[in-house]
Each structure stands twice: as structure tokens, then as C-alpha cells.
Amino acid sequence: IYLNPKEYQSVSEEKWKENFMNPKRSGRVEGEALDF
């Protein structure tokens, strides 16, 4: 929300889930870092 308020300020929980559960989410290293 801080880095990109226009995109994330009013996001639904379903959209949050889509972001966090994306296997190609930025920064994710499976079983090592930011593995949401």
C-alpha cells in the first residue's frame, strides 16, 4: 500500500490472496524467502 497506493489501497481480500499465492510473486524464493 505504501509503495503503490493507487493499486493496493482498496484491494479486496480475494485480490490480496491472488497476489500472495502467485508462485511467480516478486521476490519469492520457494522455501527460502517471501514464500507466501
PDB file of all heavy atoms in Angstrom:
ATOM      1  N   ILE A   1       0.842  -1.205   0.000  1.00  0.00           N
ATOM      2  CA  ILE A   1       0.000   0.000   0.000  1.00  0.00           C
ATOM      3  C   ILE A   1       0.871   1.246   0.000  1.00  0.00           C
ATOM      4  O   ILE A   1       0.589   2.226  -0.702  1.00  0.00           O
ATOM      5  CB  ILE A   1      -0.958  -0.003   1.205  1.00  0.00           C
ATOM      6  CG1 ILE A   1      -2.018  -1.105   1.044  1.00  0.00           C
ATOM      7  CG2 ILE A   1      -1.631   1.358   1.382  1.00  0.00           C
ATOM      8  CD1 ILE A   1      -2.841  -1.346   2.294  1.00  0.00           C
ATOM      9  N   TYR A   2       1.957   1.213   0.765  1.00  0.00           N
ATOM     10  CA  TYR A   2       2.844   2.378   0.819  1.00  0.00           C
ATOM     11  C   TYR A   2       3.556   2.604  -0.516  1.00  0.00           C
ATOM     12  O   TYR A   2       3.628   3.729  -1.007  1.00  0.00           O
ATOM     13  CB  TYR A   2       3.885   2.214   1.931  1.00  0.00           C
ATOM     14  CG  TYR A   2       4.866   3.349   1.934  1.00  0.00           C
ATOM     15  CD1 TYR A   2       4.519   4.590   2.469  1.00  0.00           C
ATOM     16  CD2 TYR A   2       6.115   3.214   1.330  1.00  0.00           C
ATOM     17  CE1 TYR A   2       5.400   5.657   2.426  1.00  0.00           C
ATOM     18  CE2 TYR A   2       7.003   4.273   1.280  1.00  0.00           C
ATOM     19  CZ  TYR A   2       6.638   5.495   1.827  1.00  0.00           C
ATOM     20  OH  TYR A   2       7.506   6.558   1.775  1.00  0.00           O
ATOM     21  N   LEU A   3       4.082   1.536  -1.113  1.00  0.00           N
ATOM     22  CA  LEU A   3       4.856   1.674  -2.342  1.00  0.00           C
ATOM     23  C   LEU A   3       3.984   1.932  -3.561  1.00  0.00           C
ATOM     24  O   LEU A   3       4.415   2.600  -4.505  1.00  0.00           O
ATOM     25  CB  LEU A   3       5.702   0.412  -2.569  1.00  0.00           C
ATOM     26  CG  LEU A   3       6.828   0.164  -1.562  1.00  0.00           C
ATOM     27  CD1 LEU A   3       7.483  -1.189  -1.822  1.00  0.00           C
ATOM     28  CD2 LEU A   3       7.869   1.277  -1.619  1.00  0.00           C
ATOM     29  N   ASN A   4       2.751   1.430  -3.541  1.00  0.00           N
ATOM     30  CA  ASN A   4       1.877   1.586  -4.705  1.00  0.00           C
ATOM     31  C   ASN A   4       0.429   1.779  -4.238  1.00  0.00           C
ATOM     32  O   ASN A   4      -0.422   0.904  -4.415  1.00  0.00           O
ATOM     33  CB  ASN A   4       1.987   0.356  -5.611  1.00  0.00           C
ATOM     34  CG  ASN A   4       1.413   0.598  -6.981  1.00  0.00           C
ATOM     35  OD1 ASN A   4       0.655   1.543  -7.199  1.00  0.00           O
ATOM     36  ND2 ASN A   4       1.751  -0.256  -7.931  1.00  0.00           N
ATOM     37  N   PRO A   5       0.133   2.936  -3.636  1.00  0.00           N
ATOM     38  CA  PRO A   5      -1.194   3.144  -3.032  1.00  0.00           C
ATOM     39  C   PRO A   5      -2.336   3.078  -4.042  1.00  0.00           C
ATOM     40  O   PRO A   5      -3.424   2.609  -3.697  1.00  0.00           O
ATOM     41  CB  PRO A   5      -1.084   4.532  -2.402  1.00  0.00           C
ATOM     42  CG  PRO A   5       0.068   5.199  -3.094  1.00  0.00           C
ATOM     43  CD  PRO A   5       1.017   4.100  -3.448  1.00  0.00           C
ATOM     44  N   LYS A   6      -2.135   3.547  -5.260  1.00  0.00           N
ATOM     45  CA  LYS A   6      -3.220   3.535  -6.247  1.00  0.00           C
ATOM     46  C   LYS A   6      -3.697   2.123  -6.536  1.00  0.00           C
ATOM     47  O   LYS A   6      -4.887   1.883  -6.742  1.00  0.00           O
ATOM     48  CB  LYS A   6      -2.752   4.203  -7.537  1.00  0.00           C
ATOM     49  CG  LYS A   6      -2.586   5.707  -7.430  1.00  0.00           C
ATOM     50  CD  LYS A   6      -2.213   6.313  -8.777  1.00  0.00           C
ATOM     51  CE  LYS A   6      -2.071   7.828  -8.680  1.00  0.00           C
ATOM     52  NZ  LYS A   6      -1.694   8.444  -9.983  1.00  0.00           N
ATOM     53  N   GLU A   7      -2.757   1.186  -6.557  1.00  0.00           N
ATOM     54  CA  GLU A   7      -3.118  -0.190  -6.896  1.00  0.00           C
ATOM     55  C   GLU A   7      -3.632  -0.982  -5.704  1.00  0.00           C
ATOM     56  O   GLU A   7      -4.516  -1.838  -5.857  1.00  0.00           O
ATOM     57  CB  GLU A   7      -1.909  -0.912  -7.496  1.00  0.00           C
ATOM     58  CG  GLU A   7      -2.207  -2.330  -7.945  1.00  0.00           C
ATOM     59  CD  GLU A   7      -1.046  -2.988  -8.664  1.00  0.00           C
ATOM     60  OE1 GLU A   7      -0.050  -2.289  -8.949  1.00  0.00           O
ATOM     61  OE2 GLU A   7      -1.137  -4.204  -8.948  1.00  0.00           O
ATOM     62  N   TYR A   8      -3.135  -0.673  -4.501  1.00  0.00           N
ATOM     63  CA  TYR A   8      -3.407  -1.561  -3.372  1.00  0.00           C
ATOM     64  C   TYR A   8      -4.237  -0.959  -2.237  1.00  0.00           C
ATOM     65  O   TYR A   8      -4.616  -1.680  -1.315  1.00  0.00           O
ATOM     66  CB  TYR A   8      -2.083  -2.073  -2.785  1.00  0.00           C
ATOM     67  CG  TYR A   8      -1.347  -3.015  -3.706  1.00  0.00           C
ATOM     68  CD1 TYR A   8      -0.220  -2.594  -4.405  1.00  0.00           C
ATOM     69  CD2 TYR A   8      -1.780  -4.322  -3.895  1.00  0.00           C
ATOM     70  CE1 TYR A   8       0.468  -3.454  -5.256  1.00  0.00           C
ATOM     71  CE2 TYR A   8      -1.115  -5.189  -4.734  1.00  0.00           C
ATOM     72  CZ  TYR A   8       0.014  -4.748  -5.418  1.00  0.00           C
ATOM     73  OH  TYR A   8       0.676  -5.597  -6.258  1.00  0.00           O
ATOM     74  N   GLN A   9      -4.559   0.327  -2.296  1.00  0.00           N
ATOM     75  CA  GLN A   9      -5.232   0.967  -1.174  1.00  0.00           C
ATOM     76  C   GLN A   9      -6.573   0.319  -0.833  1.00  0.00           C
ATOM     77  O   GLN A   9      -6.933   0.158   0.328  1.00  0.00           O
ATOM     78  CB  GLN A   9      -5.442   2.464  -1.463  1.00  0.00           C
ATOM     79  CG  GLN A   9      -5.960   3.255  -0.276  1.00  0.00           C
ATOM     80  CD  GLN A   9      -4.920   3.386   0.824  1.00  0.00           C
ATOM     81  OE1 GLN A   9      -3.866   3.957   0.608  1.00  0.00           O
ATOM     82  NE2 GLN A   9      -5.216   2.865   2.014  1.00  0.00           N
ATOM     83  N   SER A  10      -7.327  -0.081  -1.852  1.00  0.00           N
ATOM     84  CA  SER A  10      -8.683  -0.610  -1.610  1.00  0.00           C
ATOM     85  C   SER A  10      -8.861  -2.010  -2.170  1.00  0.00           C
ATOM     86  O   SER A  10      -9.926  -2.379  -2.670  1.00  0.00           O
ATOM     87  CB  SER A  10      -9.721   0.341  -2.237  1.00  0.00           C
ATOM     88  OG  SER A  10      -9.596   1.644  -1.709  1.00  0.00           O
ATOM     89  N   VAL A  11      -7.837  -2.809  -2.061  1.00  0.00           N
ATOM     90  CA  VAL A  11      -7.871  -4.150  -2.632  1.00  0.00           C
ATOM     91  C   VAL A  11      -8.709  -5.095  -1.758  1.00  0.00           C
ATOM     92  O   VAL A  11      -8.630  -5.054  -0.531  1.00  0.00           O
ATOM     93  CB  VAL A  11      -6.426  -4.695  -2.767  1.00  0.00           C
ATOM     94  CG1 VAL A  11      -6.421  -6.175  -3.123  1.00  0.00           C
ATOM     95  CG2 VAL A  11      -5.672  -3.913  -3.824  1.00  0.00           C
ATOM     96  N   SER A  12      -9.497  -5.945  -2.383  1.00  0.00           N
ATOM     97  CA  SER A  12     -10.286  -6.945  -1.658  1.00  0.00           C
ATOM     98  C   SER A  12      -9.385  -8.072  -1.174  1.00  0.00           C
ATOM     99  O   SER A  12      -8.270  -8.259  -1.677  1.00  0.00           O
ATOM    100  CB  SER A  12     -11.362  -7.530  -2.571  1.00  0.00           C
ATOM    101  OG  SER A  12     -10.762  -8.283  -3.616  1.00  0.00           O
ATOM    102  N   GLU A  13      -9.871  -8.834  -0.193  1.00  0.00           N
ATOM    103  CA  GLU A  13      -9.076  -9.944   0.323  1.00  0.00           C
ATOM    104  C   GLU A  13      -8.820 -10.984  -0.762  1.00  0.00           C
ATOM    105  O   GLU A  13      -7.765 -11.642  -0.769  1.00  0.00           O
ATOM    106  CB  GLU A  13      -9.773 -10.591   1.517  1.00  0.00           C
ATOM    107  CG  GLU A  13      -8.913 -11.614   2.253  1.00  0.00           C
ATOM    108  CD  GLU A  13      -7.596 -11.040   2.779  1.00  0.00           C
ATOM    109  OE1 GLU A  13      -7.582  -9.857   3.204  1.00  0.00           O
ATOM    110  OE2 GLU A  13      -6.579 -11.766   2.769  1.00  0.00           O
ATOM    111  N   GLU A  14      -9.761 -11.117  -1.682  1.00  0.00           N
ATOM    112  CA  GLU A  14      -9.567 -12.060  -2.785  1.00  0.00           C
ATOM    113  C   GLU A  14      -8.385 -11.631  -3.657  1.00  0.00           C
ATOM    114  O   GLU A  14      -7.584 -12.467  -4.103  1.00  0.00           O
ATOM    115  CB  GLU A  14     -10.845 -12.149  -3.630  1.00  0.00           C
ATOM    116  CG  GLU A  14     -10.849 -13.279  -4.651  1.00  0.00           C
ATOM    117  CD  GLU A  14     -10.697 -14.658  -4.015  1.00  0.00           C
ATOM    118  OE1 GLU A  14     -11.220 -14.859  -2.895  1.00  0.00           O
ATOM    119  OE2 GLU A  14     -10.060 -15.532  -4.645  1.00  0.00           O
ATOM    120  N   LYS A  15      -8.246 -10.321  -3.871  1.00  0.00           N
ATOM    121  CA  LYS A  15      -7.116  -9.804  -4.651  1.00  0.00           C
ATOM    122  C   LYS A  15      -5.807  -9.973  -3.885  1.00  0.00           C
ATOM    123  O   LYS A  15      -4.755 -10.259  -4.474  1.00  0.00           O
ATOM    124  CB  LYS A  15      -7.349  -8.338  -5.009  1.00  0.00           C
ATOM    125  CG  LYS A  15      -8.391  -8.116  -6.100  1.00  0.00           C
ATOM    126  CD  LYS A  15      -7.874  -8.619  -7.440  1.00  0.00           C
ATOM    127  CE  LYS A  15      -8.851  -8.284  -8.563  1.00  0.00           C
ATOM    128  NZ  LYS A  15      -8.363  -8.792  -9.874  1.00  0.00           N
ATOM    129  N   TRP A  16      -5.871  -9.758  -2.565  1.00  0.00           N
ATOM    130  CA  TRP A  16      -4.671  -9.982  -1.762  1.00  0.00           C
ATOM    131  C   TRP A  16      -4.242 -11.444  -1.872  1.00  0.00           C
ATOM    132  O   TRP A  16      -3.051 -11.743  -2.031  1.00  0.00           O
ATOM    133  CB  TRP A  16      -4.922  -9.633  -0.298  1.00  0.00           C
ATOM    134  CG  TRP A  16      -4.888  -8.176   0.041  1.00  0.00           C
ATOM    135  CD1 TRP A  16      -5.881  -7.443   0.600  1.00  0.00           C
ATOM    136  CD2 TRP A  16      -3.778  -7.268  -0.142  1.00  0.00           C
ATOM    137  NE1 TRP A  16      -5.475  -6.135   0.780  1.00  0.00           N
ATOM    138  CE2 TRP A  16      -4.192  -6.009   0.341  1.00  0.00           C
ATOM    139  CE3 TRP A  16      -2.490  -7.417  -0.660  1.00  0.00           C
ATOM    140  CZ2 TRP A  16      -3.352  -4.901   0.311  1.00  0.00           C
ATOM    141  CZ3 TRP A  16      -1.653  -6.311  -0.690  1.00  0.00           C
ATOM    142  CH2 TRP A  16      -2.078  -5.065  -0.215  1.00  0.00           C
ATOM    143  N   LYS A  17      -5.195 -12.350  -1.772  1.00  0.00           N
ATOM    144  CA  LYS A  17      -4.882 -13.773  -1.877  1.00  0.00           C
ATOM    145  C   LYS A  17      -4.236 -14.087  -3.220  1.00  0.00           C
ATOM    146  O   LYS A  17      -3.249 -14.833  -3.297  1.00  0.00           O
ATOM    147  CB  LYS A  17      -6.152 -14.606  -1.699  1.00  0.00           C
ATOM    148  CG  LYS A  17      -5.909 -16.109  -1.791  1.00  0.00           C
ATOM    149  CD  LYS A  17      -7.206 -16.887  -1.587  1.00  0.00           C
ATOM    150  CE  LYS A  17      -6.962 -18.379  -1.710  1.00  0.00           C
ATOM    151  NZ  LYS A  17      -8.212 -19.171  -1.518  1.00  0.00           N
ATOM    152  N   GLU A  18      -4.775 -13.494  -4.278  1.00  0.00           N
ATOM    153  CA  GLU A  18      -4.224 -13.699  -5.614  1.00  0.00           C
ATOM    154  C   GLU A  18      -2.767 -13.230  -5.675  1.00  0.00           C
ATOM    155  O   GLU A  18      -1.911 -13.880  -6.284  1.00  0.00           O
ATOM    156  CB  GLU A  18      -5.079 -12.941  -6.631  1.00  0.00           C
ATOM    157  CG  GLU A  18      -4.650 -13.122  -8.079  1.00  0.00           C
ATOM    158  CD  GLU A  18      -5.547 -12.343  -9.023  1.00  0.00           C
ATOM    159  OE1 GLU A  18      -6.758 -12.261  -8.765  1.00  0.00           O
ATOM    160  OE2 GLU A  18      -5.018 -11.802 -10.023  1.00  0.00           O
ATOM    161  N   ASN A  19      -2.489 -12.076  -5.039  1.00  0.00           N
ATOM    162  CA  ASN A  19      -1.126 -11.546  -5.022  1.00  0.00           C
ATOM    163  C   ASN A  19      -0.197 -12.477  -4.249  1.00  0.00           C
ATOM    164  O   ASN A  19       0.875 -12.863  -4.739  1.00  0.00           O
ATOM    165  CB  ASN A  19      -1.125 -10.154  -4.391  1.00  0.00           C
ATOM    166  CG  ASN A  19       0.263  -9.556  -4.227  1.00  0.00           C
ATOM    167  OD1 ASN A  19       1.045  -9.996  -3.385  1.00  0.00           O
ATOM    168  ND2 ASN A  19       0.571  -8.548  -5.020  1.00  0.00           N
ATOM    169  N   PHE A  20      -0.598 -12.834  -3.035  1.00  0.00           N
ATOM    170  CA  PHE A  20       0.291 -13.609  -2.172  1.00  0.00           C
ATOM    171  C   PHE A  20       0.490 -15.043  -2.664  1.00  0.00           C
ATOM    172  O   PHE A  20       1.564 -15.620  -2.471  1.00  0.00           O
ATOM    173  CB  PHE A  20      -0.245 -13.618  -0.737  1.00  0.00           C
ATOM    174  CG  PHE A  20      -0.053 -12.319  -0.013  1.00  0.00           C
ATOM    175  CD1 PHE A  20      -1.137 -11.618   0.493  1.00  0.00           C
ATOM    176  CD2 PHE A  20       1.213 -11.787   0.176  1.00  0.00           C
ATOM    177  CE1 PHE A  20      -0.959 -10.415   1.175  1.00  0.00           C
ATOM    178  CE2 PHE A  20       1.404 -10.591   0.850  1.00  0.00           C
ATOM    179  CZ  PHE A  20       0.311  -9.895   1.348  1.00  0.00           C
ATOM    180  N   MET A  21      -0.517 -15.611  -3.296  1.00  0.00           N
ATOM    181  CA  MET A  21      -0.429 -17.006  -3.718  1.00  0.00           C
ATOM    182  C   MET A  21       0.126 -17.177  -5.129  1.00  0.00           C
ATOM    183  O   MET A  21       0.231 -18.296  -5.632  1.00  0.00           O
ATOM    184  CB  MET A  21      -1.811 -17.661  -3.619  1.00  0.00           C
ATOM    185  CG  MET A  21      -2.337 -17.769  -2.195  1.00  0.00           C
ATOM    186  SD  MET A  21      -1.237 -18.732  -1.106  1.00  0.00           S
ATOM    187  CE  MET A  21      -1.485 -20.376  -1.792  1.00  0.00           C
ATOM    188  N   ASN A  22       0.510 -16.082  -5.754  1.00  0.00           N
ATOM    189  CA  ASN A  22       1.120 -16.154  -7.087  1.00  0.00           C
ATOM    190  C   ASN A  22       2.500 -16.801  -6.971  1.00  0.00           C
ATOM    191  O   ASN A  22       3.387 -16.257  -6.311  1.00  0.00           O
ATOM    192  CB  ASN A  22       1.247 -14.751  -7.679  1.00  0.00           C
ATOM    193  CG  ASN A  22       1.833 -14.764  -9.088  1.00  0.00           C
ATOM    194  OD1 ASN A  22       2.239 -15.806  -9.605  1.00  0.00           O
ATOM    195  ND2 ASN A  22       1.873 -13.599  -9.705  1.00  0.00           N
ATOM    196  N   PRO A  23       2.723 -17.966  -7.597  1.00  0.00           N
ATOM    197  CA  PRO A  23       4.020 -18.641  -7.457  1.00  0.00           C
ATOM    198  C   PRO A  23       5.175 -17.833  -8.042  1.00  0.00           C
ATOM    199  O   PRO A  23       6.337 -18.064  -7.688  1.00  0.00           O
ATOM    200  CB  PRO A  23       3.825 -19.963  -8.208  1.00  0.00           C
ATOM    201  CG  PRO A  23       2.671 -19.720  -9.119  1.00  0.00           C
ATOM    202  CD  PRO A  23       1.783 -18.741  -8.430  1.00  0.00           C
ATOM    203  N   LYS A  24       4.858 -16.879  -8.922  1.00  0.00           N
ATOM    204  CA  LYS A  24       5.897 -16.032  -9.520  1.00  0.00           C
ATOM    205  C   LYS A  24       5.918 -14.641  -8.886  1.00  0.00           C
ATOM    206  O   LYS A  24       6.446 -13.692  -9.455  1.00  0.00           O
ATOM    207  CB  LYS A  24       5.685 -15.918 -11.025  1.00  0.00           C
ATOM    208  CG  LYS A  24       5.843 -17.246 -11.757  1.00  0.00           C
ATOM    209  CD  LYS A  24       5.699 -17.079 -13.261  1.00  0.00           C
ATOM    210  CE  LYS A  24       5.895 -18.416 -13.980  1.00  0.00           C
ATOM    211  NZ  LYS A  24       5.763 -18.263 -15.456  1.00  0.00           N
ATOM    212  N   ARG A  25       5.356 -14.544  -7.687  1.00  0.00           N
ATOM    213  CA  ARG A  25       5.331 -13.263  -6.984  1.00  0.00           C
ATOM    214  C   ARG A  25       6.736 -12.692  -6.834  1.00  0.00           C
ATOM    215  O   ARG A  25       7.680 -13.419  -6.536  1.00  0.00           O
ATOM    216  CB  ARG A  25       4.697 -13.444  -5.600  1.00  0.00           C
ATOM    217  CG  ARG A  25       4.457 -12.151  -4.843  1.00  0.00           C
ATOM    218  CD  ARG A  25       3.882 -12.439  -3.466  1.00  0.00           C
ATOM    219  NE  ARG A  25       3.456 -11.212  -2.803  1.00  0.00           N
ATOM    220  CZ  ARG A  25       4.277 -10.407  -2.133  1.00  0.00           C
ATOM    221  NH1 ARG A  25       5.570 -10.711  -2.051  1.00  0.00           N
ATOM    222  NH2 ARG A  25       3.824  -9.317  -1.567  1.00  0.00           N
ATOM    223  N   SER A  26       6.875 -11.398  -7.019  1.00  0.00           N
ATOM    224  CA  SER A  26       8.179 -10.740  -6.938  1.00  0.00           C
ATOM    225  C   SER A  26       8.875 -11.038  -5.618  1.00  0.00           C
ATOM    226  O   SER A  26       8.291 -10.884  -4.546  1.00  0.00           O
ATOM    227  CB  SER A  26       8.010  -9.226  -7.093  1.00  0.00           C
ATOM    228  OG  SER A  26       9.236  -8.564  -6.928  1.00  0.00           O
ATOM    229  N   GLY A  27      10.113 -11.482  -5.722  1.00  0.00           N
ATOM    230  CA  GLY A  27      10.915 -11.719  -4.526  1.00  0.00           C
ATOM    231  C   GLY A  27      10.817 -13.109  -3.951  1.00  0.00           C
ATOM    232  O   GLY A  27      11.611 -13.484  -3.092  1.00  0.00           O
ATOM    233  N   ARG A  28       9.854 -13.919  -4.403  1.00  0.00           N
ATOM    234  CA  ARG A  28       9.682 -15.239  -3.815  1.00  0.00           C
ATOM    235  C   ARG A  28      10.806 -16.183  -4.228  1.00  0.00           C
ATOM    236  O   ARG A  28      11.154 -16.289  -5.404  1.00  0.00           O
ATOM    237  CB  ARG A  28       8.346 -15.835  -4.245  1.00  0.00           C
ATOM    238  CG  ARG A  28       8.127 -17.259  -3.734  1.00  0.00           C
ATOM    239  CD  ARG A  28       6.780 -17.824  -4.155  1.00  0.00           C
ATOM    240  NE  ARG A  28       6.599 -19.174  -3.631  1.00  0.00           N
ATOM    241  CZ  ARG A  28       6.673 -20.284  -4.365  1.00  0.00           C
ATOM    242  NH1 ARG A  28       6.904 -20.208  -5.674  1.00  0.00           N
ATOM    243  NH2 ARG A  28       6.501 -21.470  -3.817  1.00  0.00           N
ATOM    244  N   VAL A  29      11.385 -16.847  -3.246  1.00  0.00           N
ATOM    245  CA  VAL A  29      12.272 -17.981  -3.477  1.00  0.00           C
ATOM    246  C   VAL A  29      11.661 -19.144  -2.706  1.00  0.00           C
ATOM    247  O   VAL A  29      11.542 -19.085  -1.478  1.00  0.00           O
ATOM    248  CB  VAL A  29      13.712 -17.719  -3.005  1.00  0.00           C
ATOM    249  CG1 VAL A  29      14.583 -18.935  -3.273  1.00  0.00           C
ATOM    250  CG2 VAL A  29      14.284 -16.486  -3.697  1.00  0.00           C
ATOM    251  N   GLU A  30      11.246 -20.166  -3.396  1.00  0.00           N
ATOM    252  CA  GLU A  30      10.489 -21.258  -2.790  1.00  0.00           C
ATOM    253  C   GLU A  30      11.208 -21.836  -1.576  1.00  0.00           C
ATOM    254  O   GLU A  30      12.369 -22.219  -1.637  1.00  0.00           O
ATOM    255  CB  GLU A  30      10.253 -22.366  -3.819  1.00  0.00           C
ATOM    256  CG  GLU A  30       9.380 -23.505  -3.301  1.00  0.00           C
ATOM    257  CD  GLU A  30       9.120 -24.558  -4.347  1.00  0.00           C
ATOM    258  OE1 GLU A  30       9.557 -24.374  -5.504  1.00  0.00           O
ATOM    259  OE2 GLU A  30       8.484 -25.581  -4.005  1.00  0.00           O
ATOM    260  N   GLY A  31      10.497 -21.851  -0.442  1.00  0.00           N
ATOM    261  CA  GLY A  31      11.038 -22.426   0.770  1.00  0.00           C
ATOM    262  C   GLY A  31      12.236 -21.697   1.336  1.00  0.00           C
ATOM    263  O   GLY A  31      12.976 -22.249   2.150  1.00  0.00           O
ATOM    264  N   GLU A  32      12.392 -20.415   0.958  1.00  0.00           N
ATOM    265  CA  GLU A  32      13.604 -19.702   1.367  1.00  0.00           C
ATOM    266  C   GLU A  32      13.358 -18.236   1.696  1.00  0.00           C
ATOM    267  O   GLU A  32      13.922 -17.713   2.659  1.00  0.00           O
ATOM    268  CB  GLU A  32      14.655 -19.816   0.268  1.00  0.00           C
ATOM    269  CG  GLU A  32      16.002 -19.272   0.650  1.00  0.00           C
ATOM    270  CD  GLU A  32      17.059 -19.577  -0.398  1.00  0.00           C
ATOM    271  OE1 GLU A  32      17.005 -20.664  -1.008  1.00  0.00           O
ATOM    272  OE2 GLU A  32      17.928 -18.723  -0.609  1.00  0.00           O
ATOM    273  N   ALA A  33      12.540 -17.555   0.904  1.00  0.00           N
ATOM    274  CA  ALA A  33      12.296 -16.134   1.153  1.00  0.00           C
ATOM    275  C   ALA A  33      10.949 -15.723   0.569  1.00  0.00           C
ATOM    276  O   ALA A  33      10.604 -16.101  -0.553  1.00  0.00           O
ATOM    277  CB  ALA A  33      13.403 -15.272   0.539  1.00  0.00           C
ATOM    278  N   LEU A  34      10.197 -14.965   1.350  1.00  0.00           N
ATOM    279  CA  LEU A  34       8.899 -14.448   0.919  1.00  0.00           C
ATOM    280  C   LEU A  34       8.030 -15.524   0.268  1.00  0.00           C
ATOM    281  O   LEU A  34       7.327 -15.264  -0.709  1.00  0.00           O
ATOM    282  CB  LEU A  34       9.087 -13.271  -0.042  1.00  0.00           C
ATOM    283  CG  LEU A  34       9.683 -11.999   0.570  1.00  0.00           C
ATOM    284  CD1 LEU A  34       9.850 -10.928  -0.501  1.00  0.00           C
ATOM    285  CD2 LEU A  34       8.807 -11.472   1.707  1.00  0.00           C
ATOM    286  N   ASP A  35       8.055 -16.711   0.829  1.00  0.00           N
ATOM    287  CA  ASP A  35       7.252 -17.793   0.265  1.00  0.00           C
ATOM    288  C   ASP A  35       5.858 -17.751   0.886  1.00  0.00           C
ATOM    289  O   ASP A  35       5.543 -18.499   1.814  1.00  0.00           O
ATOM    290  CB  ASP A  35       7.917 -19.148   0.498  1.00  0.00           C
ATOM    291  CG  ASP A  35       7.300 -20.239  -0.365  1.00  0.00           C
ATOM    292  OD1 ASP A  35       6.193 -19.994  -0.914  1.00  0.00           O
ATOM    293  OD2 ASP A  35       7.893 -21.312  -0.503  1.00  0.00           O
ATOM    294  N   PHE A  36       5.040 -16.871   0.331  1.00  0.00           N
ATOM    295  CA  PHE A  36       3.683 -16.713   0.852  1.00  0.00           C
ATOM    296  C   PHE A  36       2.791 -17.899   0.522  1.00  0.00           C
ATOM    297  O   PHE A  36       1.687 -18.002   1.052  1.00  0.00           O
ATOM    298  CB  PHE A  36       3.074 -15.408   0.349  1.00  0.00           C
ATOM    299  CG  PHE A  36       3.571 -14.204   1.103  1.00  0.00           C
ATOM    300  CD1 PHE A  36       4.568 -13.400   0.580  1.00  0.00           C
ATOM    301  CD2 PHE A  36       3.061 -13.893   2.353  1.00  0.00           C
ATOM    302  CE1 PHE A  36       5.037 -12.301   1.284  1.00  0.00           C
ATOM    303  CE2 PHE A  36       3.516 -12.802   3.065  1.00  0.00           C
ATOM    304  CZ  PHE A  36       4.514 -12.002   2.528  1.00  0.00           C
TER     305      PHE A  36
END
